[in-house]
Amino acid sequence: DLKDADEFFECLAGGDDTVDADELESALRFCGMNPSRRDIDRVMLEIDQDGSGELDRDEFITLL
């Protein structure tokens, strides 16, 4: 649900309101996945709509 996704984002983003590739990789590993760095980079390129190199809240929610 959206509230859970929002809370998950807050947990990952910390105080900067964005999730970078390293934070995304850590989150996926925590969830039991084992993505390669290439997979992480591919996801970031696909989801990062503004090209910032980080996922904002809306981009992160799209990923979920």
PDB file of N, CA and C in Angstrom:
ATOM      1  N   ASP A   1       0.832  -1.177   0.000  1.00  0.00           N
ATOM      2  CA  ASP A   1       0.000   0.000   0.000  1.00  0.00           C
ATOM      3  C   ASP A   1       0.877   1.240   0.000  1.00  0.00           C
ATOM      4  N   LEU A   2       0.302   2.360  -0.389  1.00  0.00           N
ATOM      5  CA  LEU A   2       1.063   3.594  -0.583  1.00  0.00           C
ATOM      6  C   LEU A   2       1.710   4.089   0.703  1.00  0.00           C
ATOM      7  N   LYS A   3       1.027   3.935   1.819  1.00  0.00           N
ATOM      8  CA  LYS A   3       1.592   4.376   3.099  1.00  0.00           C
ATOM      9  C   LYS A   3       2.847   3.571   3.432  1.00  0.00           C
ATOM     10  N   ASP A   4       2.802   2.260   3.229  1.00  0.00           N
ATOM     11  CA  ASP A   4       3.970   1.416   3.485  1.00  0.00           C
ATOM     12  C   ASP A   4       5.125   1.786   2.558  1.00  0.00           C
ATOM     13  N   ALA A   5       4.824   2.037   1.298  1.00  0.00           N
ATOM     14  CA  ALA A   5       5.855   2.425   0.339  1.00  0.00           C
ATOM     15  C   ALA A   5       6.486   3.748   0.743  1.00  0.00           C
ATOM     16  N   ASP A   6       5.664   4.679   1.204  1.00  0.00           N
ATOM     17  CA  ASP A   6       6.161   5.983   1.640  1.00  0.00           C
ATOM     18  C   ASP A   6       7.066   5.837   2.862  1.00  0.00           C
ATOM     19  N   GLU A   7       6.680   5.000   3.799  1.00  0.00           N
ATOM     20  CA  GLU A   7       7.498   4.767   4.990  1.00  0.00           C
ATOM     21  C   GLU A   7       8.812   4.086   4.621  1.00  0.00           C
ATOM     22  N   PHE A   8       8.767   3.151   3.689  1.00  0.00           N
ATOM     23  CA  PHE A   8       9.974   2.475   3.226  1.00  0.00           C
ATOM     24  C   PHE A   8      10.922   3.486   2.582  1.00  0.00           C
ATOM     25  N   PHE A   9      10.365   4.388   1.769  1.00  0.00           N
ATOM     26  CA  PHE A   9      11.174   5.433   1.144  1.00  0.00           C
ATOM     27  C   PHE A   9      11.840   6.299   2.205  1.00  0.00           C
ATOM     28  N   GLU A  10      11.081   6.737   3.194  1.00  0.00           N
ATOM     29  CA  GLU A  10      11.625   7.578   4.265  1.00  0.00           C
ATOM     30  C   GLU A  10      12.773   6.881   4.979  1.00  0.00           C
ATOM     31  N   CYS A  11      12.613   5.605   5.231  1.00  0.00           N
ATOM     32  CA  CYS A  11      13.651   4.824   5.905  1.00  0.00           C
ATOM     33  C   CYS A  11      14.926   4.780   5.064  1.00  0.00           C
ATOM     34  N   LEU A  12      14.787   4.559   3.778  1.00  0.00           N
ATOM     35  CA  LEU A  12      15.951   4.479   2.891  1.00  0.00           C
ATOM     36  C   LEU A  12      16.599   5.833   2.643  1.00  0.00           C
ATOM     37  N   ALA A  13      15.781   6.841   2.446  1.00  0.00           N
ATOM     38  CA  ALA A  13      16.282   8.147   2.040  1.00  0.00           C
ATOM     39  C   ALA A  13      16.975   8.890   3.174  1.00  0.00           C
ATOM     40  N   GLY A  14      16.597   8.589   4.397  1.00  0.00           N
ATOM     41  CA  GLY A  14      17.171   9.354   5.494  1.00  0.00           C
ATOM     42  C   GLY A  14      16.714  10.790   5.413  1.00  0.00           C
ATOM     43  N   GLY A  15      17.614  11.705   5.604  1.00  0.00           N
ATOM     44  CA  GLY A  15      17.243  13.115   5.620  1.00  0.00           C
ATOM     45  C   GLY A  15      17.309  13.818   4.289  1.00  0.00           C
ATOM     46  N   ASP A  16      17.775  13.148   3.235  1.00  0.00           N
ATOM     47  CA  ASP A  16      17.975  13.878   1.981  1.00  0.00           C
ATOM     48  C   ASP A  16      16.849  13.728   0.960  1.00  0.00           C
ATOM     49  N   ASP A  17      15.827  12.972   1.276  1.00  0.00           N
ATOM     50  CA  ASP A  17      14.648  12.814   0.413  1.00  0.00           C
ATOM     51  C   ASP A  17      14.933  12.219  -0.962  1.00  0.00           C
ATOM     52  N   THR A  18      16.048  11.507  -1.097  1.00  0.00           N
ATOM     53  CA  THR A  18      16.339  10.780  -2.329  1.00  0.00           C
ATOM     54  C   THR A  18      16.978   9.439  -1.977  1.00  0.00           C
ATOM     55  N   VAL A  19      16.901   8.514  -2.920  1.00  0.00           N
ATOM     56  CA  VAL A  19      17.531   7.200  -2.770  1.00  0.00           C
ATOM     57  C   VAL A  19      18.525   7.048  -3.915  1.00  0.00           C
ATOM     58  N   ASP A  20      19.784   6.806  -3.571  1.00  0.00           N
ATOM     59  CA  ASP A  20      20.790   6.609  -4.616  1.00  0.00           C
ATOM     60  C   ASP A  20      20.953   5.117  -4.912  1.00  0.00           C
ATOM     61  N   ALA A  21      21.825   4.804  -5.838  1.00  0.00           N
ATOM     62  CA  ALA A  21      22.006   3.413  -6.273  1.00  0.00           C
ATOM     63  C   ALA A  21      22.459   2.512  -5.128  1.00  0.00           C
ATOM     64  N   ASP A  22      23.336   3.013  -4.274  1.00  0.00           N
ATOM     65  CA  ASP A  22      23.814   2.204  -3.149  1.00  0.00           C
ATOM     66  C   ASP A  22      22.690   1.907  -2.162  1.00  0.00           C
ATOM     67  N   GLU A  23      21.854   2.905  -1.894  1.00  0.00           N
ATOM     68  CA  GLU A  23      20.722   2.702  -0.982  1.00  0.00           C
ATOM     69  C   GLU A  23      19.714   1.732  -1.581  1.00  0.00           C
ATOM     70  N   LEU A  24      19.480   1.849  -2.880  1.00  0.00           N
ATOM     71  CA  LEU A  24      18.564   0.927  -3.553  1.00  0.00           C
ATOM     72  C   LEU A  24      19.102  -0.499  -3.497  1.00  0.00           C
ATOM     73  N   GLU A  25      20.387  -0.655  -3.749  1.00  0.00           N
ATOM     74  CA  GLU A  25      20.995  -1.983  -3.691  1.00  0.00           C
ATOM     75  C   GLU A  25      20.863  -2.581  -2.293  1.00  0.00           C
ATOM     76  N   SER A  26      21.124  -1.789  -1.273  1.00  0.00           N
ATOM     77  CA  SER A  26      20.988  -2.267   0.112  1.00  0.00           C
ATOM     78  C   SER A  26      19.562  -2.698   0.412  1.00  0.00           C
ATOM     79  N   ALA A  27      18.601  -1.917  -0.063  1.00  0.00           N
ATOM     80  CA  ALA A  27      17.195  -2.242   0.179  1.00  0.00           C
ATOM     81  C   ALA A  27      16.810  -3.556  -0.486  1.00  0.00           C
ATOM     82  N   LEU A  28      17.245  -3.741  -1.718  1.00  0.00           N
ATOM     83  CA  LEU A  28      16.916  -4.973  -2.428  1.00  0.00           C
ATOM     84  C   LEU A  28      17.574  -6.180  -1.772  1.00  0.00           C
ATOM     85  N   ARG A  29      18.791  -6.020  -1.315  1.00  0.00           N
ATOM     86  CA  ARG A  29      19.472  -7.119  -0.613  1.00  0.00           C
ATOM     87  C   ARG A  29      18.765  -7.432   0.704  1.00  0.00           C
ATOM     88  N   PHE A  30      18.315  -6.390   1.402  1.00  0.00           N
ATOM     89  CA  PHE A  30      17.568  -6.580   2.641  1.00  0.00           C
ATOM     90  C   PHE A  30      16.295  -7.383   2.383  1.00  0.00           C
ATOM     91  N   CYS A  31      15.697  -7.178   1.217  1.00  0.00           N
ATOM     92  CA  CYS A  31      14.465  -7.891   0.844  1.00  0.00           C
ATOM     93  C   CYS A  31      14.741  -9.293   0.303  1.00  0.00           C
ATOM     94  N   GLY A  32      15.997  -9.716   0.330  1.00  0.00           N
ATOM     95  CA  GLY A  32      16.335 -11.070  -0.086  1.00  0.00           C
ATOM     96  C   GLY A  32      16.728 -11.221  -1.540  1.00  0.00           C
ATOM     97  N   MET A  33      16.846 -10.115  -2.252  1.00  0.00           N
ATOM     98  CA  MET A  33      17.258 -10.172  -3.652  1.00  0.00           C
ATOM     99  C   MET A  33      18.773 -10.035  -3.730  1.00  0.00           C
ATOM    100  N   ASN A  34      19.336 -10.442  -4.848  1.00  0.00           N
ATOM    101  CA  ASN A  34      20.781 -10.362  -5.032  1.00  0.00           C
ATOM    102  C   ASN A  34      21.087  -9.728  -6.392  1.00  0.00           C
ATOM    103  N   PRO A  35      20.764  -8.439  -6.559  1.00  0.00           N
ATOM    104  CA  PRO A  35      20.968  -7.797  -7.857  1.00  0.00           C
ATOM    105  C   PRO A  35      22.449  -7.524  -8.125  1.00  0.00           C
ATOM    106  N   SER A  36      22.827  -7.606  -9.383  1.00  0.00           N
ATOM    107  CA  SER A  36      24.182  -7.199  -9.761  1.00  0.00           C
ATOM    108  C   SER A  36      24.208  -5.673  -9.833  1.00  0.00           C
ATOM    109  N   ARG A  37      25.390  -5.114  -9.820  1.00  0.00           N
ATOM    110  CA  ARG A  37      25.496  -3.656  -9.946  1.00  0.00           C
ATOM    111  C   ARG A  37      24.939  -3.213 -11.296  1.00  0.00           C
ATOM    112  N   ARG A  38      25.120  -4.041 -12.300  1.00  0.00           N
ATOM    113  CA  ARG A  38      24.575  -3.728 -13.626  1.00  0.00           C
ATOM    114  C   ARG A  38      23.049  -3.638 -13.575  1.00  0.00           C
ATOM    115  N   ASP A  39      22.414  -4.560 -12.841  1.00  0.00           N
ATOM    116  CA  ASP A  39      20.958  -4.520 -12.675  1.00  0.00           C
ATOM    117  C   ASP A  39      20.525  -3.232 -11.980  1.00  0.00           C
ATOM    118  N   ILE A  40      21.240  -2.864 -10.927  1.00  0.00           N
ATOM    119  CA  ILE A  40      20.919  -1.641 -10.186  1.00  0.00           C
ATOM    120  C   ILE A  40      21.047  -0.431 -11.102  1.00  0.00           C
ATOM    121  N   ASP A  41      22.140  -0.356 -11.839  1.00  0.00           N
ATOM    122  CA  ASP A  41      22.351   0.772 -12.749  1.00  0.00           C
ATOM    123  C   ASP A  41      21.262   0.842 -13.811  1.00  0.00           C
ATOM    124  N   ARG A  42      20.844  -0.308 -14.309  1.00  0.00           N
ATOM    125  CA  ARG A  42      19.785  -0.359 -15.324  1.00  0.00           C
ATOM    126  C   ARG A  42      18.459   0.153 -14.759  1.00  0.00           C
ATOM    127  N   VAL A  43      18.132  -0.279 -13.548  1.00  0.00           N
ATOM    128  CA  VAL A  43      16.902   0.181 -12.897  1.00  0.00           C
ATOM    129  C   VAL A  43      16.963   1.686 -12.667  1.00  0.00           C
ATOM    130  N   MET A  44      18.100   2.163 -12.193  1.00  0.00           N
ATOM    131  CA  MET A  44      18.232   3.599 -11.941  1.00  0.00           C
ATOM    132  C   MET A  44      18.028   4.396 -13.231  1.00  0.00           C
ATOM    133  N   LEU A  45      18.626   3.947 -14.321  1.00  0.00           N
ATOM    134  CA  LEU A  45      18.468   4.655 -15.591  1.00  0.00           C
ATOM    135  C   LEU A  45      17.017   4.673 -16.055  1.00  0.00           C
ATOM    136  N   GLU A  46      16.331   3.567 -15.843  1.00  0.00           N
ATOM    137  CA  GLU A  46      14.944   3.460 -16.297  1.00  0.00           C
ATOM    138  C   GLU A  46      13.988   4.289 -15.445  1.00  0.00           C
ATOM    139  N   ILE A  47      14.189   4.298 -14.139  1.00  0.00           N
ATOM    140  CA  ILE A  47      13.240   4.924 -13.222  1.00  0.00           C
ATOM    141  C   ILE A  47      13.562   6.393 -12.953  1.00  0.00           C
ATOM    142  N   ASP A  48      14.817   6.772 -13.012  1.00  0.00           N
ATOM    143  CA  ASP A  48      15.248   8.141 -12.704  1.00  0.00           C
ATOM    144  C   ASP A  48      14.836   9.088 -13.828  1.00  0.00           C
ATOM    145  N   GLN A  49      13.621   9.590 -13.750  1.00  0.00           N
ATOM    146  CA  GLN A  49      13.038  10.402 -14.819  1.00  0.00           C
ATOM    147  C   GLN A  49      13.758  11.729 -15.051  1.00  0.00           C
ATOM    148  N   ASP A  50      14.276  12.341 -13.983  1.00  0.00           N
ATOM    149  CA  ASP A  50      14.902  13.654 -14.137  1.00  0.00           C
ATOM    150  C   ASP A  50      16.411  13.585 -14.364  1.00  0.00           C
ATOM    151  N   GLY A  51      16.971  12.374 -14.397  1.00  0.00           N
ATOM    152  CA  GLY A  51      18.388  12.209 -14.674  1.00  0.00           C
ATOM    153  C   GLY A  51      19.318  12.680 -13.572  1.00  0.00           C
ATOM    154  N   SER A  52      18.806  12.760 -12.353  1.00  0.00           N
ATOM    155  CA  SER A  52      19.606  13.260 -11.226  1.00  0.00           C
ATOM    156  C   SER A  52      20.590  12.230 -10.681  1.00  0.00           C
ATOM    157  N   GLY A  53      20.390  10.956 -11.037  1.00  0.00           N
ATOM    158  CA  GLY A  53      21.224   9.902 -10.476  1.00  0.00           C
ATOM    159  C   GLY A  53      20.697   9.391  -9.150  1.00  0.00           C
ATOM    160  N   GLU A  54      19.576   9.941  -8.714  1.00  0.00           N
ATOM    161  CA  GLU A  54      18.922   9.529  -7.474  1.00  0.00           C
ATOM    162  C   GLU A  54      17.420   9.446  -7.718  1.00  0.00           C
ATOM    163  N   LEU A  55      16.753   8.640  -6.908  1.00  0.00           N
ATOM    164  CA  LEU A  55      15.304   8.515  -7.029  1.00  0.00           C
ATOM    165  C   LEU A  55      14.636   9.382  -5.983  1.00  0.00           C
ATOM    166  N   ASP A  56      13.739  10.252  -6.440  1.00  0.00           N
ATOM    167  CA  ASP A  56      12.930  10.998  -5.479  1.00  0.00           C
ATOM    168  C   ASP A  56      11.736  10.126  -5.094  1.00  0.00           C
ATOM    169  N   ARG A  57      10.893  10.636  -4.244  1.00  0.00           N
ATOM    170  CA  ARG A  57       9.763   9.852  -3.732  1.00  0.00           C
ATOM    171  C   ARG A  57       8.885   9.304  -4.861  1.00  0.00           C
ATOM    172  N   ASP A  58       8.502  10.142  -5.801  1.00  0.00           N
ATOM    173  CA  ASP A  58       7.613   9.701  -6.887  1.00  0.00           C
ATOM    174  C   ASP A  58       8.272   8.639  -7.763  1.00  0.00           C
ATOM    175  N   GLU A  59       9.546   8.831  -8.069  1.00  0.00           N
ATOM    176  CA  GLU A  59      10.261   7.843  -8.878  1.00  0.00           C
ATOM    177  C   GLU A  59      10.373   6.514  -8.131  1.00  0.00           C
ATOM    178  N   PHE A  60      10.646   6.582  -6.836  1.00  0.00           N
ATOM    179  CA  PHE A  60      10.775   5.372  -6.026  1.00  0.00           C
ATOM    180  C   PHE A  60       9.453   4.618  -5.972  1.00  0.00           C
ATOM    181  N   ILE A  61       8.349   5.346  -5.786  1.00  0.00           N
ATOM    182  CA  ILE A  61       7.027   4.716  -5.724  1.00  0.00           C
ATOM    183  C   ILE A  61       6.731   4.019  -7.054  1.00  0.00           C
ATOM    184  N   THR A  62       7.152   4.615  -8.167  1.00  0.00           N
ATOM    185  CA  THR A  62       6.985   3.998  -9.483  1.00  0.00           C
ATOM    186  C   THR A  62       7.695   2.650  -9.543  1.00  0.00           C
ATOM    187  N   LEU A  63       8.865   2.578  -8.926  1.00  0.00           N
ATOM    188  CA  LEU A  63       9.635   1.335  -8.907  1.00  0.00           C
ATOM    189  C   LEU A  63       8.880   0.223  -8.208  1.00  0.00           C
ATOM    190  N   LEU A  64       8.197   0.561  -7.130  1.00  0.00           N
ATOM    191  CA  LEU A  64       7.472  -0.445  -6.364  1.00  0.00           C
ATOM    192  C   LEU A  64       6.216  -0.856  -7.084  1.00  0.00           C
TER     193      LEU A  64
END
